[in-house]
N, C-alpha and C. Protein backbone atom coordinates (compact mmCIF):
# COMPACT_ATOMS: atom_id res chain seq x y z
N MET A 1 0.91 -1.25 0.04
CA MET A 1 0.04 0.07 -0.05
C MET A 1 1.00 1.39 0.08
N GLY A 2 0.46 2.24 -0.90
CA GLY A 2 1.22 3.53 -0.95
C GLY A 2 0.74 4.63 0.13
N ALA A 3 0.77 5.76 -0.39
CA ALA A 3 0.38 6.76 0.68
C ALA A 3 -1.17 6.84 0.77
N GLN A 4 -1.52 7.53 1.85
CA GLN A 4 -2.82 7.75 2.42
C GLN A 4 -2.97 9.39 2.39
N LYS A 5 -3.87 9.83 1.72
CA LYS A 5 -3.94 11.40 1.61
C LYS A 5 -5.38 11.81 2.01
N PHE A 6 -5.52 12.98 2.60
CA PHE A 6 -6.66 13.35 3.13
C PHE A 6 -7.17 14.60 2.21
N ALA A 7 -8.62 14.65 2.00
CA ALA A 7 -9.15 15.81 1.46
C ALA A 7 -10.34 16.18 2.24
N PRO A 8 -10.83 17.37 2.00
CA PRO A 8 -11.86 17.66 2.93
C PRO A 8 -13.15 16.84 3.04
N ASN A 9 -13.47 16.21 1.89
CA ASN A 9 -14.67 15.32 1.80
C ASN A 9 -14.37 13.78 1.70
N GLY A 10 -13.10 13.35 1.91
CA GLY A 10 -12.69 11.94 1.98
C GLY A 10 -11.24 11.67 1.97
N CYS A 11 -10.82 10.38 1.77
CA CYS A 11 -9.70 9.88 1.71
C CYS A 11 -9.15 9.35 0.55
N PHE A 12 -7.75 9.57 0.14
CA PHE A 12 -7.33 8.79 -1.20
C PHE A 12 -6.33 7.78 -0.61
N PHE A 13 -6.53 6.62 -1.21
CA PHE A 13 -5.58 5.45 -0.83
C PHE A 13 -4.74 5.00 -2.02
N GLU A 14 -3.57 4.96 -2.20
CA GLU A 14 -2.80 4.56 -3.21
C GLU A 14 -2.28 2.99 -2.87
N PHE A 15 -2.51 2.18 -3.84
CA PHE A 15 -2.20 0.84 -3.96
C PHE A 15 -1.19 0.70 -5.16
N ILE A 16 -0.05 0.20 -4.69
CA ILE A 16 1.13 0.02 -5.62
C ILE A 16 1.23 -1.43 -6.05
N PHE A 17 1.32 -1.72 -7.47
CA PHE A 17 1.44 -3.03 -8.02
C PHE A 17 2.49 -2.97 -8.97
N PRO A 18 3.43 -3.96 -8.93
CA PRO A 18 4.49 -4.00 -9.95
C PRO A 18 3.88 -4.72 -11.23
N ASP A 19 4.16 -4.19 -12.10
CA ASP A 19 3.70 -4.66 -13.67
C ASP A 19 5.01 -4.70 -14.26
N PRO A 20 5.41 -5.95 -14.82
CA PRO A 20 6.55 -6.20 -15.59
C PRO A 20 6.49 -5.37 -16.88
N SER A 21 5.34 -5.35 -17.54
CA SER A 21 5.46 -4.64 -18.84
C SER A 21 5.55 -3.10 -18.87
N GLU A 22 4.92 -2.59 -17.72
CA GLU A 22 4.65 -1.12 -17.69
C GLU A 22 5.67 -0.50 -16.47
N GLY A 23 6.22 -1.33 -15.67
CA GLY A 23 6.87 -0.66 -14.49
C GLY A 23 5.96 -0.99 -13.35
N THR A 24 5.85 0.09 -12.49
CA THR A 24 4.87 0.24 -11.42
C THR A 24 3.78 0.92 -11.77
N VAL A 25 2.60 0.32 -11.27
CA VAL A 25 1.23 0.94 -11.43
C VAL A 25 0.65 1.29 -10.10
N VAL A 26 0.26 2.51 -9.99
CA VAL A 26 -0.41 2.97 -8.95
C VAL A 26 -1.82 3.14 -8.99
N LEU A 27 -2.62 2.47 -8.29
CA LEU A 27 -4.26 2.64 -8.35
C LEU A 27 -4.44 3.45 -7.17
N THR A 28 -5.16 4.59 -7.35
CA THR A 28 -5.73 5.46 -6.44
C THR A 28 -7.22 5.22 -6.20
N VAL A 29 -7.71 5.04 -5.03
CA VAL A 29 -9.13 4.86 -4.55
C VAL A 29 -9.46 5.96 -3.75
N PHE A 30 -10.60 6.50 -3.85
CA PHE A 30 -11.19 7.76 -3.25
C PHE A 30 -12.28 7.24 -2.53
N VAL A 31 -12.25 7.31 -1.10
CA VAL A 31 -13.40 6.93 -0.33
C VAL A 31 -14.09 8.28 0.39
N PRO A 32 -15.25 8.56 -0.12
CA PRO A 32 -16.04 9.86 0.37
C PRO A 32 -16.46 9.38 1.71
N LEU A 33 -16.46 10.35 2.45
CA LEU A 33 -16.86 10.47 4.05
C LEU A 33 -18.05 11.25 4.28
N GLU A 34 -19.03 10.86 5.24
CA GLU A 34 -20.24 11.88 5.47
C GLU A 34 -19.79 13.02 6.32
N GLU A 35 -18.74 13.00 7.02
CA GLU A 35 -18.32 14.26 7.74
C GLU A 35 -17.07 14.64 7.27
N ARG A 36 -17.13 16.09 7.13
CA ARG A 36 -15.76 16.79 6.70
C ARG A 36 -14.76 16.54 7.57
N ILE A 37 -13.56 16.28 7.00
CA ILE A 37 -12.10 16.33 7.54
C ILE A 37 -11.56 17.57 7.81
N VAL A 38 -11.21 17.92 8.94
CA VAL A 38 -10.61 19.35 9.30
C VAL A 38 -9.22 19.14 9.79
N TYR A 39 -8.20 19.83 8.90
CA TYR A 39 -6.87 19.85 9.38
C TYR A 39 -6.71 20.80 10.46
N LEU A 40 -6.05 20.37 11.53
CA LEU A 40 -5.82 21.40 12.74
C LEU A 40 -4.39 21.89 12.70
N PRO A 41 -4.20 22.98 12.27
CA PRO A 41 -2.91 23.49 12.12
C PRO A 41 -2.28 23.87 13.60
N VAL A 42 -1.11 23.94 13.52
CA VAL A 42 -0.42 24.22 14.88
C VAL A 42 -0.66 25.57 15.06
N PRO A 43 -1.30 26.27 16.16
CA PRO A 43 -1.62 27.68 16.29
C PRO A 43 -0.32 28.27 16.62
N GLN A 44 -0.32 29.80 16.34
CA GLN A 44 0.80 30.59 16.38
C GLN A 44 1.44 30.73 17.70
N TRP A 45 0.62 30.34 18.84
CA TRP A 45 0.97 30.67 20.18
C TRP A 45 1.85 29.37 20.66
N VAL A 46 1.83 28.32 19.86
CA VAL A 46 2.44 27.06 20.29
C VAL A 46 4.09 27.20 19.92
N LYS A 47 4.90 27.07 20.93
CA LYS A 47 6.17 27.27 20.83
C LYS A 47 6.93 25.83 20.86
N GLN A 48 8.06 25.56 20.10
CA GLN A 48 8.63 24.20 20.03
C GLN A 48 10.18 24.56 20.18
N ASN A 49 10.75 23.88 21.09
CA ASN A 49 12.15 24.04 21.44
C ASN A 49 12.80 23.16 20.46
N ILE A 50 13.59 23.52 19.32
CA ILE A 50 13.89 22.58 18.37
C ILE A 50 14.92 21.41 18.99
N TRP A 51 15.82 22.16 19.72
CA TRP A 51 17.01 21.23 20.35
C TRP A 51 16.39 20.25 21.36
N GLN A 52 15.38 20.49 22.28
CA GLN A 52 14.87 19.55 23.14
C GLN A 52 13.54 18.84 22.74
N GLY A 53 13.00 19.48 21.66
CA GLY A 53 11.75 18.92 21.26
C GLY A 53 10.44 19.27 22.16
N ASP A 54 10.62 20.15 23.07
CA ASP A 54 9.59 20.70 24.19
C ASP A 54 8.51 21.48 23.30
N VAL A 55 7.34 21.14 23.58
CA VAL A 55 6.31 22.01 23.16
C VAL A 55 5.45 22.69 24.24
N SER A 56 5.36 24.08 24.23
CA SER A 56 4.76 24.78 25.21
C SER A 56 3.90 25.93 24.76
N GLY A 57 3.19 26.42 25.47
CA GLY A 57 2.31 27.58 25.01
C GLY A 57 3.29 28.94 25.10
N SER A 58 2.52 29.99 25.14
CA SER A 58 3.21 31.21 25.14
C SER A 58 2.34 32.28 25.89
N TYR A 59 2.95 33.46 26.28
CA TYR A 59 2.02 34.47 26.91
C TYR A 59 1.67 35.60 26.10
N HIS A 60 0.49 36.17 26.07
CA HIS A 60 -0.01 37.25 25.38
C HIS A 60 -1.13 37.84 26.17
N PHE A 61 -1.15 39.22 25.75
CA PHE A 61 -2.37 40.11 26.33
C PHE A 61 -3.40 39.49 25.93
N GLU A 62 -4.53 39.71 26.68
CA GLU A 62 -5.93 39.13 26.41
C GLU A 62 -6.56 39.47 25.15
N SER A 63 -6.33 40.80 24.62
CA SER A 63 -6.83 41.10 23.32
C SER A 63 -6.04 40.46 22.42
N HIS A 64 -4.92 40.18 22.41
CA HIS A 64 -4.06 39.63 21.36
C HIS A 64 -4.38 38.15 21.36
N ALA A 65 -4.56 37.58 22.68
CA ALA A 65 -4.96 36.09 22.64
C ALA A 65 -6.34 35.84 21.98
N ALA A 66 -7.28 36.81 22.23
CA ALA A 66 -8.58 36.48 21.48
C ALA A 66 -8.53 36.62 20.05
N GLU A 67 -7.60 37.60 19.48
CA GLU A 67 -7.29 37.84 18.08
C GLU A 67 -6.80 36.41 17.50
N LEU A 68 -5.89 35.70 18.36
CA LEU A 68 -5.10 34.53 17.82
C LEU A 68 -6.19 33.40 17.79
N LEU A 69 -7.20 33.36 18.56
CA LEU A 69 -8.19 32.44 18.66
C LEU A 69 -9.29 32.71 17.32
N LYS A 70 -9.31 33.94 17.01
CA LYS A 70 -10.17 34.17 15.99
C LYS A 70 -9.59 33.73 14.66
N GLN A 71 -8.23 33.89 14.76
CA GLN A 71 -7.60 33.49 13.50
C GLN A 71 -7.67 31.99 13.31
N LEU A 72 -7.48 31.30 14.45
CA LEU A 72 -7.55 29.72 14.30
C LEU A 72 -8.93 29.42 13.90
N GLU A 73 -9.96 29.79 14.54
CA GLU A 73 -11.19 29.65 14.26
C GLU A 73 -11.58 29.80 12.81
N ALA A 74 -10.96 30.80 12.22
CA ALA A 74 -11.25 31.14 10.80
C ALA A 74 -10.58 30.12 9.84
N GLN A 75 -9.55 29.50 10.19
CA GLN A 75 -8.85 28.25 9.48
C GLN A 75 -9.69 27.10 9.71
N LEU A 76 -10.57 27.07 10.63
CA LEU A 76 -11.41 25.71 10.68
C LEU A 76 -12.69 25.84 9.86
N THR A 77 -13.10 26.98 9.24
CA THR A 77 -14.21 27.01 8.48
C THR A 77 -13.95 26.21 7.22
N PRO A 78 -14.98 25.74 6.32
CA PRO A 78 -14.91 24.84 5.28
C PRO A 78 -13.90 25.74 4.25
N GLU A 79 -13.97 27.01 4.09
CA GLU A 79 -13.16 27.72 3.13
C GLU A 79 -11.77 27.92 3.49
N GLY A 80 -11.56 28.35 4.84
CA GLY A 80 -10.21 28.46 5.35
C GLY A 80 -9.51 27.18 5.47
N ASN A 81 -10.19 26.27 5.76
CA ASN A 81 -9.52 24.79 5.98
C ASN A 81 -9.13 24.32 4.68
N ALA A 82 -9.83 24.38 3.64
CA ALA A 82 -9.59 23.73 2.35
C ALA A 82 -8.06 24.25 1.74
N ALA A 83 -7.73 25.44 2.13
CA ALA A 83 -6.61 26.00 1.70
C ALA A 83 -5.29 25.13 2.46
N LEU A 84 -5.55 24.51 3.39
CA LEU A 84 -4.48 23.79 4.24
C LEU A 84 -4.37 22.41 3.56
N PHE A 85 -5.20 22.01 2.64
CA PHE A 85 -4.91 20.53 2.04
C PHE A 85 -4.25 20.58 0.74
N GLN A 86 -3.77 19.56 0.27
CA GLN A 86 -3.10 19.50 -1.01
C GLN A 86 -4.36 19.54 -1.99
N SER A 87 -3.89 20.09 -3.26
CA SER A 87 -5.09 20.14 -4.15
C SER A 87 -5.13 18.60 -4.66
N GLU A 88 -6.40 18.22 -4.76
CA GLU A 88 -6.73 16.81 -5.28
C GLU A 88 -5.91 16.35 -6.64
N SER A 89 -5.75 17.42 -7.40
CA SER A 89 -5.01 17.16 -8.62
C SER A 89 -3.39 17.08 -8.38
N ASP A 90 -3.01 17.33 -7.25
CA ASP A 90 -1.58 17.03 -6.92
C ASP A 90 -1.39 15.54 -6.63
N PHE A 91 -2.27 14.85 -6.34
CA PHE A 91 -2.14 13.44 -6.23
C PHE A 91 -3.01 12.15 -6.80
N VAL A 92 -3.75 12.86 -7.58
CA VAL A 92 -4.53 12.00 -8.34
C VAL A 92 -4.01 11.91 -9.82
N LYS A 93 -3.37 10.77 -9.95
CA LYS A 93 -2.72 10.73 -11.60
C LYS A 93 -3.33 9.46 -12.13
N TRP A 94 -3.91 9.71 -13.25
CA TRP A 94 -4.44 8.64 -13.93
C TRP A 94 -3.61 8.23 -15.22
């Protein structure tokens, strides 16, 4: 089995088959889902220490924290979240 990729309305599964006459053949199967898939981006306020791998929050004034939450909420709407997915044409090849 190859890659599994997500789209807002379902999942793509790639199945890899060796074909002696043509080389490798990749069969892509799309499975639609009843519920929308949401990509949860790492919020701006999350800080990671690259050397130690620690993940922690950060301190902000209340007004700035409220604005950061609004920005995150906007990324969870269907329109805002679709931009965080790969284009379906990037991984569906016939």
